[in-house]
Amino acid sequence: MTAEANTKTATDRAVSLFAANGGILNTTQAIKLGIHSRTLYALRDDAKLERLERGLYRLADAIPLGNSDFVTVSL
């Protein structure tokens, strides 16, 4: 398997894990689920993840949040 194929698999898996967890994860949760920090940054750089706050990410194509401040504080 090529490095590009491994990366695609890792990003697809990460997107699935985000979706399974309501579309929002913090860095610690993501790492505990097996998402490497490089994968998080790659998804962010490819605009598949949106940074809500330092260490808090959500799927870019998720339903818009009504009040993102409440989500940020609660997580």
N, C-alpha and C. Protein backbone atom coordinates (compact mmCIF):
# COMPACT_ATOMS: atom_id res chain seq x y z
N MET A 1 0.85 -1.17 0.00
CA MET A 1 0.00 0.00 0.00
C MET A 1 0.89 1.23 0.00
N THR A 2 0.55 2.22 -0.81
CA THR A 2 1.37 3.41 -0.91
C THR A 2 1.08 4.36 0.24
N ALA A 3 1.98 5.33 0.43
CA ALA A 3 1.79 6.32 1.50
C ALA A 3 0.53 7.14 1.25
N GLU A 4 0.25 7.44 -0.02
CA GLU A 4 -0.96 8.20 -0.35
C GLU A 4 -2.21 7.41 0.00
N ALA A 5 -2.20 6.12 -0.26
CA ALA A 5 -3.35 5.27 0.07
C ALA A 5 -3.54 5.18 1.59
N ASN A 6 -2.43 5.08 2.34
CA ASN A 6 -2.52 5.07 3.80
C ASN A 6 -3.11 6.36 4.32
N THR A 7 -2.69 7.50 3.74
CA THR A 7 -3.21 8.79 4.17
C THR A 7 -4.69 8.89 3.88
N LYS A 8 -5.11 8.44 2.70
CA LYS A 8 -6.52 8.50 2.36
C LYS A 8 -7.33 7.64 3.32
N THR A 9 -6.84 6.48 3.63
CA THR A 9 -7.52 5.61 4.57
C THR A 9 -7.60 6.26 5.94
N ALA A 10 -6.53 6.88 6.39
CA ALA A 10 -6.51 7.54 7.69
C ALA A 10 -7.48 8.71 7.72
N THR A 11 -7.54 9.49 6.65
CA THR A 11 -8.45 10.63 6.64
C THR A 11 -9.90 10.16 6.55
N ASP A 12 -10.17 9.15 5.77
CA ASP A 12 -11.54 8.61 5.69
C ASP A 12 -11.98 8.07 7.05
N ARG A 13 -11.09 7.38 7.72
CA ARG A 13 -11.40 6.83 9.05
C ARG A 13 -11.64 7.97 10.04
N ALA A 14 -10.83 9.01 9.98
CA ALA A 14 -10.98 10.14 10.88
C ALA A 14 -12.32 10.85 10.66
N VAL A 15 -12.69 11.05 9.41
CA VAL A 15 -13.98 11.68 9.10
C VAL A 15 -15.11 10.83 9.64
N SER A 16 -15.01 9.51 9.50
CA SER A 16 -16.04 8.61 10.02
C SER A 16 -16.13 8.70 11.54
N LEU A 17 -14.98 8.78 12.21
CA LEU A 17 -14.98 8.90 13.67
C LEU A 17 -15.58 10.23 14.13
N PHE A 18 -15.27 11.30 13.42
CA PHE A 18 -15.87 12.59 13.74
C PHE A 18 -17.39 12.50 13.59
N ALA A 19 -17.85 11.93 12.48
CA ALA A 19 -19.29 11.80 12.23
C ALA A 19 -19.97 10.96 13.32
N ALA A 20 -19.31 9.89 13.73
CA ALA A 20 -19.88 9.01 14.76
C ALA A 20 -19.94 9.68 16.13
N ASN A 21 -19.18 10.75 16.31
CA ASN A 21 -19.15 11.47 17.59
C ASN A 21 -19.79 12.85 17.48
N GLY A 22 -20.78 12.97 16.66
CA GLY A 22 -21.53 14.22 16.56
C GLY A 22 -20.87 15.29 15.72
N GLY A 23 -19.77 14.96 15.04
CA GLY A 23 -19.11 15.91 14.16
C GLY A 23 -18.12 16.83 14.84
N ILE A 24 -18.00 16.74 16.16
CA ILE A 24 -17.10 17.62 16.91
C ILE A 24 -16.24 16.79 17.86
N LEU A 25 -14.93 17.04 17.83
CA LEU A 25 -14.00 16.40 18.76
C LEU A 25 -12.92 17.39 19.14
N ASN A 26 -12.41 17.23 20.35
CA ASN A 26 -11.21 17.99 20.68
C ASN A 26 -10.00 17.11 20.37
N THR A 27 -8.84 17.71 20.39
CA THR A 27 -7.63 16.99 20.00
C THR A 27 -7.40 15.76 20.86
N THR A 28 -7.60 15.88 22.17
CA THR A 28 -7.39 14.75 23.07
C THR A 28 -8.31 13.59 22.73
N GLN A 29 -9.59 13.90 22.50
CA GLN A 29 -10.55 12.85 22.14
C GLN A 29 -10.15 12.18 20.84
N ALA A 30 -9.76 12.99 19.86
CA ALA A 30 -9.39 12.46 18.55
C ALA A 30 -8.20 11.52 18.67
N ILE A 31 -7.20 11.91 19.42
CA ILE A 31 -6.01 11.07 19.59
C ILE A 31 -6.37 9.78 20.31
N LYS A 32 -7.23 9.86 21.33
CA LYS A 32 -7.66 8.64 22.04
C LYS A 32 -8.42 7.69 21.12
N LEU A 33 -9.09 8.25 20.10
CA LEU A 33 -9.81 7.42 19.13
C LEU A 33 -8.89 6.86 18.04
N GLY A 34 -7.62 7.27 18.07
CA GLY A 34 -6.65 6.75 17.11
C GLY A 34 -6.39 7.64 15.92
N ILE A 35 -6.84 8.88 15.97
CA ILE A 35 -6.58 9.83 14.88
C ILE A 35 -5.26 10.53 15.19
N HIS A 36 -4.31 10.41 14.29
CA HIS A 36 -3.00 11.03 14.48
C HIS A 36 -3.12 12.53 14.29
N SER A 37 -2.32 13.29 15.01
CA SER A 37 -2.37 14.75 14.91
C SER A 37 -2.08 15.22 13.49
N ARG A 38 -1.22 14.52 12.76
CA ARG A 38 -0.95 14.89 11.36
C ARG A 38 -2.21 14.77 10.51
N THR A 39 -3.03 13.77 10.82
CA THR A 39 -4.28 13.59 10.08
C THR A 39 -5.23 14.74 10.38
N LEU A 40 -5.30 15.16 11.64
CA LEU A 40 -6.13 16.31 12.00
C LEU A 40 -5.71 17.55 11.22
N TYR A 41 -4.42 17.81 11.19
CA TYR A 41 -3.92 19.00 10.50
C TYR A 41 -4.15 18.90 9.00
N ALA A 42 -4.00 17.71 8.45
CA ALA A 42 -4.25 17.53 7.01
C ALA A 42 -5.72 17.78 6.68
N LEU A 43 -6.62 17.28 7.52
CA LEU A 43 -8.05 17.52 7.31
C LEU A 43 -8.38 19.00 7.45
N ARG A 44 -7.77 19.66 8.40
CA ARG A 44 -7.97 21.10 8.56
C ARG A 44 -7.47 21.86 7.35
N ASP A 45 -6.27 21.50 6.89
CA ASP A 45 -5.67 22.17 5.73
C ASP A 45 -6.47 21.93 4.45
N ASP A 46 -7.14 20.78 4.36
CA ASP A 46 -7.97 20.45 3.19
C ASP A 46 -9.40 20.96 3.34
N ALA A 47 -9.66 21.73 4.39
CA ALA A 47 -10.98 22.33 4.67
C ALA A 47 -12.07 21.28 4.92
N LYS A 48 -11.67 20.11 5.39
CA LYS A 48 -12.66 19.10 5.77
C LYS A 48 -13.02 19.23 7.25
N LEU A 49 -12.13 19.87 8.01
CA LEU A 49 -12.39 20.19 9.42
C LEU A 49 -12.32 21.69 9.59
N GLU A 50 -13.15 22.18 10.48
CA GLU A 50 -13.17 23.59 10.82
C GLU A 50 -12.69 23.72 12.26
N ARG A 51 -11.80 24.64 12.51
CA ARG A 51 -11.30 24.87 13.87
C ARG A 51 -12.25 25.82 14.57
N LEU A 52 -12.88 25.35 15.64
CA LEU A 52 -13.79 26.19 16.42
C LEU A 52 -13.03 27.02 17.44
N GLU A 53 -12.06 26.39 18.03
CA GLU A 53 -11.28 26.97 19.12
C GLU A 53 -9.97 26.19 19.14
N ARG A 54 -9.01 26.65 19.90
CA ARG A 54 -7.74 25.93 20.00
C ARG A 54 -8.01 24.50 20.48
N GLY A 55 -7.66 23.52 19.64
CA GLY A 55 -7.82 22.12 20.00
C GLY A 55 -9.22 21.57 19.85
N LEU A 56 -10.13 22.32 19.22
CA LEU A 56 -11.51 21.87 19.05
C LEU A 56 -11.88 21.98 17.57
N TYR A 57 -12.26 20.84 16.99
CA TYR A 57 -12.54 20.78 15.56
C TYR A 57 -13.91 20.19 15.29
N ARG A 58 -14.51 20.59 14.16
CA ARG A 58 -15.78 20.02 13.73
C ARG A 58 -15.72 19.78 12.23
N LEU A 59 -16.53 18.83 11.77
CA LEU A 59 -16.61 18.57 10.34
C LEU A 59 -17.13 19.81 9.64
N ALA A 60 -16.48 20.20 8.57
CA ALA A 60 -16.86 21.41 7.85
C ALA A 60 -18.23 21.28 7.19
N ASP A 61 -18.61 20.06 6.80
CA ASP A 61 -19.89 19.89 6.13
C ASP A 61 -21.03 19.51 7.08
N ALA A 62 -20.79 19.64 8.38
CA ALA A 62 -21.83 19.35 9.38
C ALA A 62 -22.86 20.48 9.39
N ILE A 63 -24.00 20.18 9.96
CA ILE A 63 -25.06 21.18 10.08
C ILE A 63 -24.51 22.35 10.89
N PRO A 64 -24.75 23.58 10.44
CA PRO A 64 -24.23 24.74 11.16
C PRO A 64 -24.72 24.78 12.61
N LEU A 65 -23.86 25.24 13.47
CA LEU A 65 -24.20 25.35 14.90
C LEU A 65 -25.02 26.61 15.14
N GLY A 66 -26.04 26.50 15.97
CA GLY A 66 -26.85 27.66 16.31
C GLY A 66 -26.07 28.65 17.14
N ASN A 67 -25.33 28.15 18.12
CA ASN A 67 -24.52 29.01 18.97
C ASN A 67 -23.23 28.26 19.31
N SER A 68 -22.23 28.50 18.52
CA SER A 68 -20.98 27.77 18.67
C SER A 68 -20.28 28.07 20.00
N ASP A 69 -20.56 29.22 20.61
CA ASP A 69 -19.94 29.53 21.91
C ASP A 69 -20.36 28.55 22.98
N PHE A 70 -21.62 28.13 22.98
CA PHE A 70 -22.09 27.16 23.96
C PHE A 70 -21.40 25.81 23.77
N VAL A 71 -21.22 25.43 22.53
CA VAL A 71 -20.55 24.15 22.24
C VAL A 71 -19.10 24.23 22.70
N THR A 72 -18.44 25.33 22.40
CA THR A 72 -17.04 25.49 22.78
C THR A 72 -16.88 25.42 24.29
N VAL A 73 -17.73 26.10 25.03
CA VAL A 73 -17.64 26.11 26.49
C VAL A 73 -17.95 24.73 27.06
N SER A 74 -18.95 24.06 26.51
CA SER A 74 -19.34 22.76 27.06
C SER A 74 -18.31 21.68 26.80
N LEU A 75 -17.56 21.81 25.72
CA LEU A 75 -16.55 20.79 25.43
C LEU A 75 -15.21 21.19 25.99
